[in-house]
PDB file of all heavy atoms in Angstrom:
ATOM      1  N   ARG A   1       0.827  -1.217   0.000  1.00  0.00           N
ATOM      2  CA  ARG A   1       0.000   0.000   0.000  1.00  0.00           C
ATOM      3  C   ARG A   1       0.858   1.262   0.000  1.00  0.00           C
ATOM      4  O   ARG A   1       0.488   2.270  -0.595  1.00  0.00           O
ATOM      5  CB  ARG A   1      -0.930   0.006   1.207  1.00  0.00           C
ATOM      6  CG  ARG A   1      -2.094  -0.938   1.075  1.00  0.00           C
ATOM      7  CD  ARG A   1      -3.086  -0.768   2.229  1.00  0.00           C
ATOM      8  NE  ARG A   1      -4.156  -1.735   2.089  1.00  0.00           N
ATOM      9  CZ  ARG A   1      -4.303  -2.825   2.837  1.00  0.00           C
ATOM     10  NH1 ARG A   1      -3.449  -3.071   3.823  1.00  0.00           N
ATOM     11  NH2 ARG A   1      -5.300  -3.645   2.640  1.00  0.00           N
ATOM     12  N   SER A   2       2.004   1.202   0.668  1.00  0.00           N
ATOM     13  CA  SER A   2       2.862   2.384   0.726  1.00  0.00           C
ATOM     14  C   SER A   2       3.633   2.597  -0.577  1.00  0.00           C
ATOM     15  O   SER A   2       4.022   3.718  -0.887  1.00  0.00           O
ATOM     16  CB  SER A   2       3.845   2.275   1.895  1.00  0.00           C
ATOM     17  OG  SER A   2       4.846   1.309   1.629  1.00  0.00           O
ATOM     18  N   MET A   3       3.836   1.533  -1.344  1.00  0.00           N
ATOM     19  CA  MET A   3       4.622   1.634  -2.571  1.00  0.00           C
ATOM     20  C   MET A   3       3.775   1.793  -3.826  1.00  0.00           C
ATOM     21  O   MET A   3       4.256   2.340  -4.815  1.00  0.00           O
ATOM     22  CB  MET A   3       5.512   0.396  -2.711  1.00  0.00           C
ATOM     23  CG  MET A   3       6.552   0.277  -1.620  1.00  0.00           C
ATOM     24  SD  MET A   3       7.573  -1.192  -1.802  1.00  0.00           S
ATOM     25  CE  MET A   3       8.584  -0.699  -3.179  1.00  0.00           C
ATOM     26  N   ALA A   4       2.557   1.296  -3.799  1.00  0.00           N
ATOM     27  CA  ALA A   4       1.716   1.320  -4.997  1.00  0.00           C
ATOM     28  C   ALA A   4       0.557   2.288  -4.795  1.00  0.00           C
ATOM     29  O   ALA A   4       0.033   2.407  -3.695  1.00  0.00           O
ATOM     30  CB  ALA A   4       1.176  -0.080  -5.274  1.00  0.00           C
ATOM     31  N   PRO A   5       0.158   2.969  -5.862  1.00  0.00           N
ATOM     32  CA  PRO A   5      -1.018   3.830  -5.741  1.00  0.00           C
ATOM     33  C   PRO A   5      -2.255   2.995  -5.395  1.00  0.00           C
ATOM     34  O   PRO A   5      -2.302   1.797  -5.685  1.00  0.00           O
ATOM     35  CB  PRO A   5      -1.153   4.476  -7.121  1.00  0.00           C
ATOM     36  CG  PRO A   5      -0.244   3.736  -8.030  1.00  0.00           C
ATOM     37  CD  PRO A   5       0.722   2.969  -7.194  1.00  0.00           C
ATOM     38  N   ALA A   6      -3.238   3.627  -4.795  1.00  0.00           N
ATOM     39  CA  ALA A   6      -4.431   2.925  -4.312  1.00  0.00           C
ATOM     40  C   ALA A   6      -5.070   2.055  -5.395  1.00  0.00           C
ATOM     41  O   ALA A   6      -5.527   0.955  -5.121  1.00  0.00           O
ATOM     42  CB  ALA A   6      -5.440   3.922  -3.764  1.00  0.00           C
ATOM     43  N   ARG A   7      -5.138   2.535  -6.616  1.00  0.00           N
ATOM     44  CA  ARG A   7      -5.771   1.772  -7.684  1.00  0.00           C
ATOM     45  C   ARG A   7      -4.745   0.975  -8.494  1.00  0.00           C
ATOM     46  O   ARG A   7      -5.087   0.419  -9.520  1.00  0.00           O
ATOM     47  CB  ARG A   7      -6.553   2.700  -8.614  1.00  0.00           C
ATOM     48  CG  ARG A   7      -7.622   3.531  -7.917  1.00  0.00           C
ATOM     49  CD  ARG A   7      -8.671   2.729  -7.220  1.00  0.00           C
ATOM     50  NE  ARG A   7      -9.709   2.323  -8.146  1.00  0.00           N
ATOM     51  CZ  ARG A   7     -10.557   1.343  -7.934  1.00  0.00           C
ATOM     52  NH1 ARG A   7     -10.507   0.678  -6.814  1.00  0.00           N
ATOM     53  NH2 ARG A   7     -11.463   1.029  -8.809  1.00  0.00           N
ATOM     54  N   GLY A   8      -3.501   0.890  -8.029  1.00  0.00           N
ATOM     55  CA  GLY A   8      -2.482   0.174  -8.775  1.00  0.00           C
ATOM     56  C   GLY A   8      -1.900  -1.010  -8.038  1.00  0.00           C
ATOM     57  O   GLY A   8      -0.867  -1.553  -8.437  1.00  0.00           O
ATOM     58  N   GLN A   9      -2.535  -1.416  -6.959  1.00  0.00           N
ATOM     59  CA  GLN A   9      -1.983  -2.506  -6.158  1.00  0.00           C
ATOM     60  C   GLN A   9      -2.005  -3.836  -6.899  1.00  0.00           C
ATOM     61  O   GLN A   9      -1.059  -4.620  -6.795  1.00  0.00           O
ATOM     62  CB  GLN A   9      -2.726  -2.601  -4.829  1.00  0.00           C
ATOM     63  CG  GLN A   9      -2.489  -1.388  -3.964  1.00  0.00           C
ATOM     64  CD  GLN A   9      -3.376  -1.352  -2.741  1.00  0.00           C
ATOM     65  OE1 GLN A   9      -4.163  -2.251  -2.503  1.00  0.00           O
ATOM     66  NE2 GLN A   9      -3.257  -0.282  -1.966  1.00  0.00           N
ATOM     67  N   SER A  10      -3.053  -4.083  -7.673  1.00  0.00           N
ATOM     68  CA  SER A  10      -3.114  -5.333  -8.432  1.00  0.00           C
ATOM     69  C   SER A  10      -1.983  -5.391  -9.452  1.00  0.00           C
ATOM     70  O   SER A  10      -1.326  -6.432  -9.618  1.00  0.00           O
ATOM     71  CB  SER A  10      -4.460  -5.469  -9.146  1.00  0.00           C
ATOM     72  OG  SER A  10      -5.483  -5.678  -8.205  1.00  0.00           O
ATOM     73  N   GLN A  11      -1.730  -4.284 -10.125  1.00  0.00           N
ATOM     74  CA  GLN A  11      -0.648  -4.240 -11.111  1.00  0.00           C
ATOM     75  C   GLN A  11       0.698  -4.420 -10.417  1.00  0.00           C
ATOM     76  O   GLN A  11       1.574  -5.126 -10.912  1.00  0.00           O
ATOM     77  CB  GLN A  11      -0.667  -2.926 -11.878  1.00  0.00           C
ATOM     78  CG  GLN A  11       0.408  -2.856 -12.938  1.00  0.00           C
ATOM     79  CD  GLN A  11       0.370  -1.566 -13.740  1.00  0.00           C
ATOM     80  OE1 GLN A  11      -0.549  -0.764 -13.606  1.00  0.00           O
ATOM     81  NE2 GLN A  11       1.369  -1.355 -14.568  1.00  0.00           N
ATOM     82  N   PHE A  12       0.864  -3.801  -9.266  1.00  0.00           N
ATOM     83  CA  PHE A  12       2.102  -3.933  -8.498  1.00  0.00           C
ATOM     84  C   PHE A  12       2.360  -5.395  -8.143  1.00  0.00           C
ATOM     85  O   PHE A  12       3.464  -5.916  -8.349  1.00  0.00           O
ATOM     86  CB  PHE A  12       2.004  -3.087  -7.220  1.00  0.00           C
ATOM     87  CG  PHE A  12       3.232  -3.110  -6.374  1.00  0.00           C
ATOM     88  CD1 PHE A  12       4.244  -2.186  -6.571  1.00  0.00           C
ATOM     89  CD2 PHE A  12       3.392  -4.058  -5.367  1.00  0.00           C
ATOM     90  CE1 PHE A  12       5.390  -2.195  -5.783  1.00  0.00           C
ATOM     91  CE2 PHE A  12       4.535  -4.086  -4.584  1.00  0.00           C
ATOM     92  CZ  PHE A  12       5.533  -3.152  -4.795  1.00  0.00           C
ATOM     93  N   VAL A  13       1.331  -6.077  -7.627  1.00  0.00           N
ATOM     94  CA  VAL A  13       1.480  -7.487  -7.245  1.00  0.00           C
ATOM     95  C   VAL A  13       1.742  -8.338  -8.483  1.00  0.00           C
ATOM     96  O   VAL A  13       2.597  -9.236  -8.457  1.00  0.00           O
ATOM     97  CB  VAL A  13       0.236  -7.976  -6.472  1.00  0.00           C
ATOM     98  CG1 VAL A  13       0.278  -9.484  -6.251  1.00  0.00           C
ATOM     99  CG2 VAL A  13       0.126  -7.248  -5.133  1.00  0.00           C
ATOM    100  N   ALA A  14       1.050  -8.063  -9.586  1.00  0.00           N
ATOM    101  CA  ALA A  14       1.254  -8.825 -10.819  1.00  0.00           C
ATOM    102  C   ALA A  14       2.694  -8.674 -11.310  1.00  0.00           C
ATOM    103  O   ALA A  14       3.333  -9.659 -11.701  1.00  0.00           O
ATOM    104  CB  ALA A  14       0.275  -8.373 -11.893  1.00  0.00           C
ATOM    105  N   GLU A  15       3.220  -7.460 -11.293  1.00  0.00           N
ATOM    106  CA  GLU A  15       4.605  -7.230 -11.729  1.00  0.00           C
ATOM    107  C   GLU A  15       5.596  -7.925 -10.800  1.00  0.00           C
ATOM    108  O   GLU A  15       6.592  -8.502 -11.260  1.00  0.00           O
ATOM    109  CB  GLU A  15       4.900  -5.733 -11.810  1.00  0.00           C
ATOM    110  CG  GLU A  15       4.199  -5.050 -12.960  1.00  0.00           C
ATOM    111  CD  GLU A  15       4.379  -3.542 -12.962  1.00  0.00           C
ATOM    112  OE1 GLU A  15       5.173  -3.015 -12.151  1.00  0.00           O
ATOM    113  OE2 GLU A  15       3.716  -2.885 -13.780  1.00  0.00           O
ATOM    114  N   ALA A  16       5.332  -7.893  -9.509  1.00  0.00           N
ATOM    115  CA  ALA A  16       6.212  -8.573  -8.552  1.00  0.00           C
ATOM    116  C   ALA A  16       6.200 -10.080  -8.783  1.00  0.00           C
ATOM    117  O   ALA A  16       7.255 -10.726  -8.751  1.00  0.00           O
ATOM    118  CB  ALA A  16       5.779  -8.248  -7.124  1.00  0.00           C
ATOM    119  N   LEU A  17       5.032 -10.638  -9.042  1.00  0.00           N
ATOM    120  CA  LEU A  17       4.940 -12.070  -9.309  1.00  0.00           C
ATOM    121  C   LEU A  17       5.640 -12.435 -10.611  1.00  0.00           C
ATOM    122  O   LEU A  17       6.325 -13.461 -10.687  1.00  0.00           O
ATOM    123  CB  LEU A  17       3.474 -12.516  -9.346  1.00  0.00           C
ATOM    124  CG  LEU A  17       2.772 -12.540  -7.989  1.00  0.00           C
ATOM    125  CD1 LEU A  17       1.282 -12.783  -8.166  1.00  0.00           C
ATOM    126  CD2 LEU A  17       3.389 -13.586  -7.085  1.00  0.00           C
ATOM    127  N   ARG A  18       5.491 -11.608 -11.640  1.00  0.00           N
ATOM    128  CA  ARG A  18       6.187 -11.869 -12.900  1.00  0.00           C
ATOM    129  C   ARG A  18       7.705 -11.860 -12.698  1.00  0.00           C
ATOM    130  O   ARG A  18       8.413 -12.722 -13.224  1.00  0.00           O
ATOM    131  CB  ARG A  18       5.801 -10.825 -13.952  1.00  0.00           C
ATOM    132  CG  ARG A  18       4.474 -11.092 -14.593  1.00  0.00           C
ATOM    133  CD  ARG A  18       4.231 -10.145 -15.778  1.00  0.00           C
ATOM    134  NE  ARG A  18       2.874 -10.294 -16.245  1.00  0.00           N
ATOM    135  CZ  ARG A  18       1.874  -9.482 -15.949  1.00  0.00           C
ATOM    136  NH1 ARG A  18       2.073  -8.405 -15.196  1.00  0.00           N
ATOM    137  NH2 ARG A  18       0.654  -9.711 -16.412  1.00  0.00           N
ATOM    138  N   ALA A  19       8.190 -10.895 -11.940  1.00  0.00           N
ATOM    139  CA  ALA A  19       9.631 -10.812 -11.675  1.00  0.00           C
ATOM    140  C   ALA A  19      10.102 -12.042 -10.894  1.00  0.00           C
ATOM    141  O   ALA A  19      11.161 -12.613 -11.189  1.00  0.00           O
ATOM    142  CB  ALA A  19       9.961  -9.535 -10.906  1.00  0.00           C
ATOM    143  N   TYR A  20       9.329 -12.461  -9.919  1.00  0.00           N
ATOM    144  CA  TYR A  20       9.689 -13.629  -9.116  1.00  0.00           C
ATOM    145  C   TYR A  20       9.711 -14.887  -9.986  1.00  0.00           C
ATOM    146  O   TYR A  20      10.647 -15.692  -9.915  1.00  0.00           O
ATOM    147  CB  TYR A  20       8.703 -13.802  -7.958  1.00  0.00           C
ATOM    148  CG  TYR A  20       8.992 -15.018  -7.117  1.00  0.00           C
ATOM    149  CD1 TYR A  20       9.994 -14.997  -6.151  1.00  0.00           C
ATOM    150  CD2 TYR A  20       8.284 -16.202  -7.307  1.00  0.00           C
ATOM    151  CE1 TYR A  20      10.284 -16.122  -5.385  1.00  0.00           C
ATOM    152  CE2 TYR A  20       8.562 -17.326  -6.551  1.00  0.00           C
ATOM    153  CZ  TYR A  20       9.556 -17.279  -5.595  1.00  0.00           C
ATOM    154  OH  TYR A  20       9.843 -18.395  -4.847  1.00  0.00           O
ATOM    155  N   ILE A  21       8.685 -15.058 -10.809  1.00  0.00           N
ATOM    156  CA  ILE A  21       8.612 -16.226 -11.685  1.00  0.00           C
ATOM    157  C   ILE A  21       9.774 -16.237 -12.665  1.00  0.00           C
ATOM    158  O   ILE A  21      10.403 -17.280 -12.895  1.00  0.00           O
ATOM    159  CB  ILE A  21       7.257 -16.274 -12.410  1.00  0.00           C
ATOM    160  CG1 ILE A  21       6.144 -16.593 -11.403  1.00  0.00           C
ATOM    161  CG2 ILE A  21       7.265 -17.280 -13.556  1.00  0.00           C
ATOM    162  CD1 ILE A  21       4.732 -16.376 -11.926  1.00  0.00           C
ATOM    163  N   ALA A  22      10.092 -15.090 -13.250  1.00  0.00           N
ATOM    164  CA  ALA A  22      11.216 -15.005 -14.189  1.00  0.00           C
ATOM    165  C   ALA A  22      12.517 -15.386 -13.493  1.00  0.00           C
ATOM    166  O   ALA A  22      13.343 -16.113 -14.065  1.00  0.00           O
ATOM    167  CB  ALA A  22      11.309 -13.597 -14.781  1.00  0.00           C
ATOM    168  N   GLU A  23      12.721 -14.924 -12.273  1.00  0.00           N
ATOM    169  CA  GLU A  23      13.933 -15.266 -11.527  1.00  0.00           C
ATOM    170  C   GLU A  23      13.996 -16.761 -11.236  1.00  0.00           C
ATOM    171  O   GLU A  23      15.044 -17.387 -11.362  1.00  0.00           O
ATOM    172  CB  GLU A  23      14.008 -14.468 -10.220  1.00  0.00           C
ATOM    173  CG  GLU A  23      15.189 -14.823  -9.349  1.00  0.00           C
ATOM    174  CD  GLU A  23      16.541 -14.650 -10.039  1.00  0.00           C
ATOM    175  OE1 GLU A  23      16.678 -13.767 -10.912  1.00  0.00           O
ATOM    176  OE2 GLU A  23      17.474 -15.414  -9.701  1.00  0.00           O
ATOM    177  N   GLN A  24      12.870 -17.359 -10.865  1.00  0.00           N
ATOM    178  CA  GLN A  24      12.836 -18.795 -10.602  1.00  0.00           C
ATOM    179  C   GLN A  24      13.138 -19.590 -11.872  1.00  0.00           C
ATOM    180  O   GLN A  24      13.854 -20.593 -11.823  1.00  0.00           O
ATOM    181  CB  GLN A  24      11.468 -19.208 -10.040  1.00  0.00           C
ATOM    182  CG  GLN A  24      11.186 -18.658  -8.662  1.00  0.00           C
ATOM    183  CD  GLN A  24      12.232 -19.068  -7.644  1.00  0.00           C
ATOM    184  OE1 GLN A  24      12.577 -20.239  -7.523  1.00  0.00           O
ATOM    185  NE2 GLN A  24      12.765 -18.117  -6.915  1.00  0.00           N
ATOM    186  N   GLN A  25      12.624 -19.126 -13.012  1.00  0.00           N
ATOM    187  CA  GLN A  25      12.898 -19.797 -14.280  1.00  0.00           C
ATOM    188  C   GLN A  25      14.371 -19.677 -14.654  1.00  0.00           C
ATOM    189  O   GLN A  25      14.976 -20.645 -15.131  1.00  0.00           O
ATOM    190  CB  GLN A  25      12.007 -19.232 -15.387  1.00  0.00           C
ATOM    191  CG  GLN A  25      10.554 -19.627 -15.222  1.00  0.00           C
ATOM    192  CD  GLN A  25       9.624 -18.910 -16.184  1.00  0.00           C
ATOM    193  OE1 GLN A  25       9.903 -17.801 -16.635  1.00  0.00           O
ATOM    194  NE2 GLN A  25       8.494 -19.545 -16.488  1.00  0.00           N
ATOM    195  N   ARG A  26      14.970 -18.497 -14.437  1.00  0.00           N
ATOM    196  CA  ARG A  26      16.405 -18.328 -14.704  1.00  0.00           C
ATOM    197  C   ARG A  26      17.229 -19.241 -13.809  1.00  0.00           C
ATOM    198  O   ARG A  26      18.187 -19.875 -14.260  1.00  0.00           O
ATOM    199  CB  ARG A  26      16.827 -16.867 -14.501  1.00  0.00           C
ATOM    200  CG  ARG A  26      16.512 -15.952 -15.663  1.00  0.00           C
ATOM    201  CD  ARG A  26      17.172 -14.608 -15.512  1.00  0.00           C
ATOM    202  NE  ARG A  26      16.704 -13.869 -14.360  1.00  0.00           N
ATOM    203  CZ  ARG A  26      15.630 -13.074 -14.358  1.00  0.00           C
ATOM    204  NH1 ARG A  26      14.937 -12.897 -15.455  1.00  0.00           N
ATOM    205  NH2 ARG A  26      15.276 -12.436 -13.268  1.00  0.00           N
ATOM    206  N   ARG A  27      16.860 -19.314 -12.541  1.00  0.00           N
ATOM    207  CA  ARG A  27      17.580 -20.163 -11.593  1.00  0.00           C
ATOM    208  C   ARG A  27      17.477 -21.629 -12.014  1.00  0.00           C
ATOM    209  O   ARG A  27      18.468 -22.359 -12.009  1.00  0.00           O
ATOM    210  CB  ARG A  27      17.031 -19.981 -10.180  1.00  0.00           C
ATOM    211  CG  ARG A  27      17.748 -20.835  -9.142  1.00  0.00           C
ATOM    212  CD  ARG A  27      17.295 -20.541  -7.736  1.00  0.00           C
ATOM    213  NE  ARG A  27      17.773 -19.229  -7.356  1.00  0.00           N
ATOM    214  CZ  ARG A  27      16.998 -18.274  -6.827  1.00  0.00           C
ATOM    215  NH1 ARG A  27      15.724 -18.505  -6.611  1.00  0.00           N
ATOM    216  NH2 ARG A  27      17.499 -17.109  -6.497  1.00  0.00           N
ATOM    217  N   SER A  28      16.295 -22.059 -12.418  1.00  0.00           N
ATOM    218  CA  SER A  28      16.094 -23.438 -12.853  1.00  0.00           C
ATOM    219  C   SER A  28      16.922 -23.734 -14.103  1.00  0.00           C
ATOM    220  O   SER A  28      17.568 -24.785 -14.193  1.00  0.00           O
ATOM    221  CB  SER A  28      14.618 -23.685 -13.134  1.00  0.00           C
ATOM    222  OG  SER A  28      14.418 -24.966 -13.676  1.00  0.00           O
ATOM    223  N   LEU A  29      16.920 -22.810 -15.058  1.00  0.00           N
ATOM    224  CA  LEU A  29      17.710 -22.992 -16.272  1.00  0.00           C
ATOM    225  C   LEU A  29      19.188 -23.075 -15.934  1.00  0.00           C
ATOM    226  O   LEU A  29      19.911 -23.947 -16.433  1.00  0.00           O
ATOM    227  CB  LEU A  29      17.453 -21.856 -17.254  1.00  0.00           C
ATOM    228  CG  LEU A  29      18.313 -21.853 -18.518  1.00  0.00           C
ATOM    229  CD1 LEU A  29      18.111 -23.132 -19.317  1.00  0.00           C
ATOM    230  CD2 LEU A  29      18.013 -20.626 -19.365  1.00  0.00           C
ATOM    231  N   ARG A  30      19.656 -22.186 -15.074  1.00  0.00           N
ATOM    232  CA  ARG A  30      21.066 -22.183 -14.672  1.00  0.00           C
ATOM    233  C   ARG A  30      21.445 -23.528 -14.046  1.00  0.00           C
ATOM    234  O   ARG A  30      22.480 -24.104 -14.372  1.00  0.00           O
ATOM    235  CB  ARG A  30      21.313 -21.039 -13.686  1.00  0.00           C
ATOM    236  CG  ARG A  30      22.768 -20.798 -13.355  1.00  0.00           C
ATOM    237  CD  ARG A  30      22.977 -19.597 -12.425  1.00  0.00           C
ATOM    238  NE  ARG A  30      22.272 -18.408 -12.869  1.00  0.00           N
ATOM    239  CZ  ARG A  30      21.274 -17.815 -12.190  1.00  0.00           C
ATOM    240  NH1 ARG A  30      20.870 -18.303 -11.038  1.00  0.00           N
ATOM    241  NH2 ARG A  30      20.688 -16.733 -12.654  1.00  0.00           N
ATOM    242  N   GLU A  31      20.582 -24.048 -13.172  1.00  0.00           N
ATOM    243  CA  GLU A  31      20.865 -25.326 -12.518  1.00  0.00           C
ATOM    244  C   GLU A  31      20.891 -26.474 -13.528  1.00  0.00           C
ATOM    245  O   GLU A  31      21.747 -27.355 -13.446  1.00  0.00           O
ATOM    246  CB  GLU A  31      19.826 -25.595 -11.430  1.00  0.00           C
ATOM    247  CG  GLU A  31      19.986 -24.693 -10.223  1.00  0.00           C
ATOM    248  CD  GLU A  31      18.826 -24.790  -9.242  1.00  0.00           C
ATOM    249  OE1 GLU A  31      17.868 -25.559  -9.494  1.00  0.00           O
ATOM    250  OE2 GLU A  31      18.877 -24.078  -8.221  1.00  0.00           O
ATOM    251  N   ARG A  32      19.970 -26.447 -14.498  1.00  0.00           N
ATOM    252  CA  ARG A  32      19.957 -27.495 -15.525  1.00  0.00           C
ATOM    253  C   ARG A  32      21.195 -27.409 -16.406  1.00  0.00           C
ATOM    254  O   ARG A  32      21.763 -28.432 -16.793  1.00  0.00           O
ATOM    255  CB  ARG A  32      18.688 -27.396 -16.372  1.00  0.00           C
ATOM    256  CG  ARG A  32      17.432 -27.815 -15.616  1.00  0.00           C
ATOM    257  CD  ARG A  32      16.246 -27.895 -16.544  1.00  0.00           C
ATOM    258  NE  ARG A  32      16.226 -26.791 -17.483  1.00  0.00           N
ATOM    259  CZ  ARG A  32      15.230 -25.941 -17.666  1.00  0.00           C
ATOM    260  NH1 ARG A  32      14.133 -26.076 -16.984  1.00  0.00           N
ATOM    261  NH2 ARG A  32      15.310 -24.968 -18.534  1.00  0.00           N
ATOM    262  N   LEU A  33      21.618 -26.191 -16.754  1.00  0.00           N
ATOM    263  CA  LEU A  33      22.824 -26.034 -17.565  1.00  0.00           C
ATOM    264  C   LEU A  33      24.058 -26.540 -16.821  1.00  0.00           C
ATOM    265  O   LEU A  33      24.891 -27.248 -17.393  1.00  0.00           O
ATOM    266  CB  LEU A  33      23.017 -24.570 -17.968  1.00  0.00           C
ATOM    267  CG  LEU A  33      22.051 -24.036 -19.015  1.00  0.00           C
ATOM    268  CD1 LEU A  33      22.206 -22.527 -19.158  1.00  0.00           C
ATOM    269  CD2 LEU A  33      22.267 -24.721 -20.350  1.00  0.00           C
ATOM    270  N   ILE A  34      24.161 -26.189 -15.556  1.00  0.00           N
ATOM    271  CA  ILE A  34      25.295 -26.656 -14.753  1.00  0.00           C
ATOM    272  C   ILE A  34      25.300 -28.174 -14.688  1.00  0.00           C
ATOM    273  O   ILE A  34      26.336 -28.809 -14.888  1.00  0.00           O
ATOM    274  CB  ILE A  34      25.259 -26.030 -13.338  1.00  0.00           C
ATOM    275  CG1 ILE A  34      25.590 -24.537 -13.419  1.00  0.00           C
ATOM    276  CG2 ILE A  34      26.211 -26.754 -12.392  1.00  0.00           C
ATOM    277  CD1 ILE A  34      25.344 -23.780 -12.130  1.00  0.00           C
ATOM    278  N   ALA A  35      24.146 -28.771 -14.438  1.00  0.00           N
ATOM    279  CA  ALA A  35      24.065 -30.234 -14.362  1.00  0.00           C
ATOM    280  C   ALA A  35      24.449 -30.859 -15.698  1.00  0.00           C
ATOM    281  O   ALA A  35      25.165 -31.874 -15.739  1.00  0.00           O
ATOM    282  CB  ALA A  35      22.660 -30.668 -13.955  1.00  0.00           C
ATOM    283  N   GLY A  36      24.004 -30.270 -16.788  1.00  0.00           N
ATOM    284  CA  GLY A  36      24.339 -30.797 -18.109  1.00  0.00           C
ATOM    285  C   GLY A  36      25.820 -30.702 -18.400  1.00  0.00           C
ATOM    286  O   GLY A  36      26.420 -31.648 -18.919  1.00  0.00           O
ATOM    287  N   TYR A  37      26.411 -29.556 -18.074  1.00  0.00           N
ATOM    288  CA  TYR A  37      27.856 -29.399 -18.286  1.00  0.00           C
ATOM    289  C   TYR A  37      28.642 -30.374 -17.426  1.00  0.00           C
ATOM    290  O   TYR A  37      29.621 -30.966 -17.878  1.00  0.00           O
ATOM    291  CB  TYR A  37      28.303 -27.968 -17.990  1.00  0.00           C
ATOM    292  CG  TYR A  37      27.858 -26.973 -19.021  1.00  0.00           C
ATOM    293  CD1 TYR A  37      27.271 -25.769 -18.642  1.00  0.00           C
ATOM    294  CD2 TYR A  37      28.018 -27.209 -20.381  1.00  0.00           C
ATOM    295  CE1 TYR A  37      26.854 -24.845 -19.586  1.00  0.00           C
ATOM    296  CE2 TYR A  37      27.609 -26.291 -21.331  1.00  0.00           C
ATOM    297  CZ  TYR A  37      27.026 -25.108 -20.933  1.00  0.00           C
ATOM    298  OH  TYR A  37      26.621 -24.209 -21.863  1.00  0.00           O
ATOM    299  N   GLN A  38      28.221 -30.545 -16.184  1.00  0.00           N
ATOM    300  CA  GLN A  38      28.929 -31.466 -15.305  1.00  0.00           C
ATOM    301  C   GLN A  38      28.788 -32.907 -15.787  1.00  0.00           C
ATOM    302  O   GLN A  38      29.731 -33.693 -15.695  1.00  0.00           O
ATOM    303  CB  GLN A  38      28.423 -31.329 -13.872  1.00  0.00           C
ATOM    304  CG  GLN A  38      28.849 -30.034 -13.223  1.00  0.00           C
ATOM    305  CD  GLN A  38      28.215 -29.813 -11.866  1.00  0.00           C
ATOM    306  OE1 GLN A  38      27.212 -30.426 -11.524  1.00  0.00           O
ATOM    307  NE2 GLN A  38      28.796 -28.906 -11.084  1.00  0.00           N
ATOM    308  N   ALA A  39      27.618 -33.248 -16.310  1.00  0.00           N
ATOM    309  CA  ALA A  39      27.386 -34.606 -16.788  1.00  0.00           C
ATOM    310  C   ALA A  39      28.251 -34.931 -18.002  1.00  0.00           C
ATOM    311  O   ALA A  39      28.670 -36.074 -18.186  1.00  0.00           O
ATOM    312  CB  ALA A  39      25.914 -34.807 -17.120  1.00  0.00           C
ATOM    313  N   SER A  40      28.527 -33.931 -18.831  1.00  0.00           N
ATOM    314  CA  SER A  40      29.305 -34.196 -20.044  1.00  0.00           C
ATOM    315  C   SER A  40      30.771 -33.790 -19.905  1.00  0.00           C
ATOM    316  O   SER A  40      31.530 -33.901 -20.869  1.00  0.00           O
ATOM    317  CB  SER A  40      28.670 -33.471 -21.238  1.00  0.00           C
ATOM    318  OG  SER A  40      28.722 -32.070 -21.043  1.00  0.00           O
ATOM    319  N   ALA A  41      31.191 -33.365 -18.739  1.00  0.00           N
ATOM    320  CA  ALA A  41      32.559 -32.892 -18.545  1.00  0.00           C
ATOM    321  C   ALA A  41      33.589 -33.976 -18.843  1.00  0.00           C
ATOM    322  O   ALA A  41      34.598 -33.721 -19.507  1.00  0.00           O
ATOM    323  CB  ALA A  41      32.745 -32.365 -17.123  1.00  0.00           C
ATOM    324  N   ALA A  42      33.346 -35.171 -18.375  1.00  0.00           N
ATOM    325  CA  ALA A  42      34.320 -36.257 -18.589  1.00  0.00           C
ATOM    326  C   ALA A  42      34.462 -36.561 -20.071  1.00  0.00           C
ATOM    327  O   ALA A  42      35.583 -36.701 -20.576  1.00  0.00           O
ATOM    328  CB  ALA A  42      33.884 -37.504 -17.827  1.00  0.00           C
TER     329      ALA A  42
END
């Protein structure tokens, strides 16, 4: 409420969720890439 305008709270939460989801997807991709590189290192 202190950061978003009274009529913009839904948009604020939606943007925060999108950012969180994007970060989780990047983290998952990074972990899969690391696992793949480690699996084929030998």
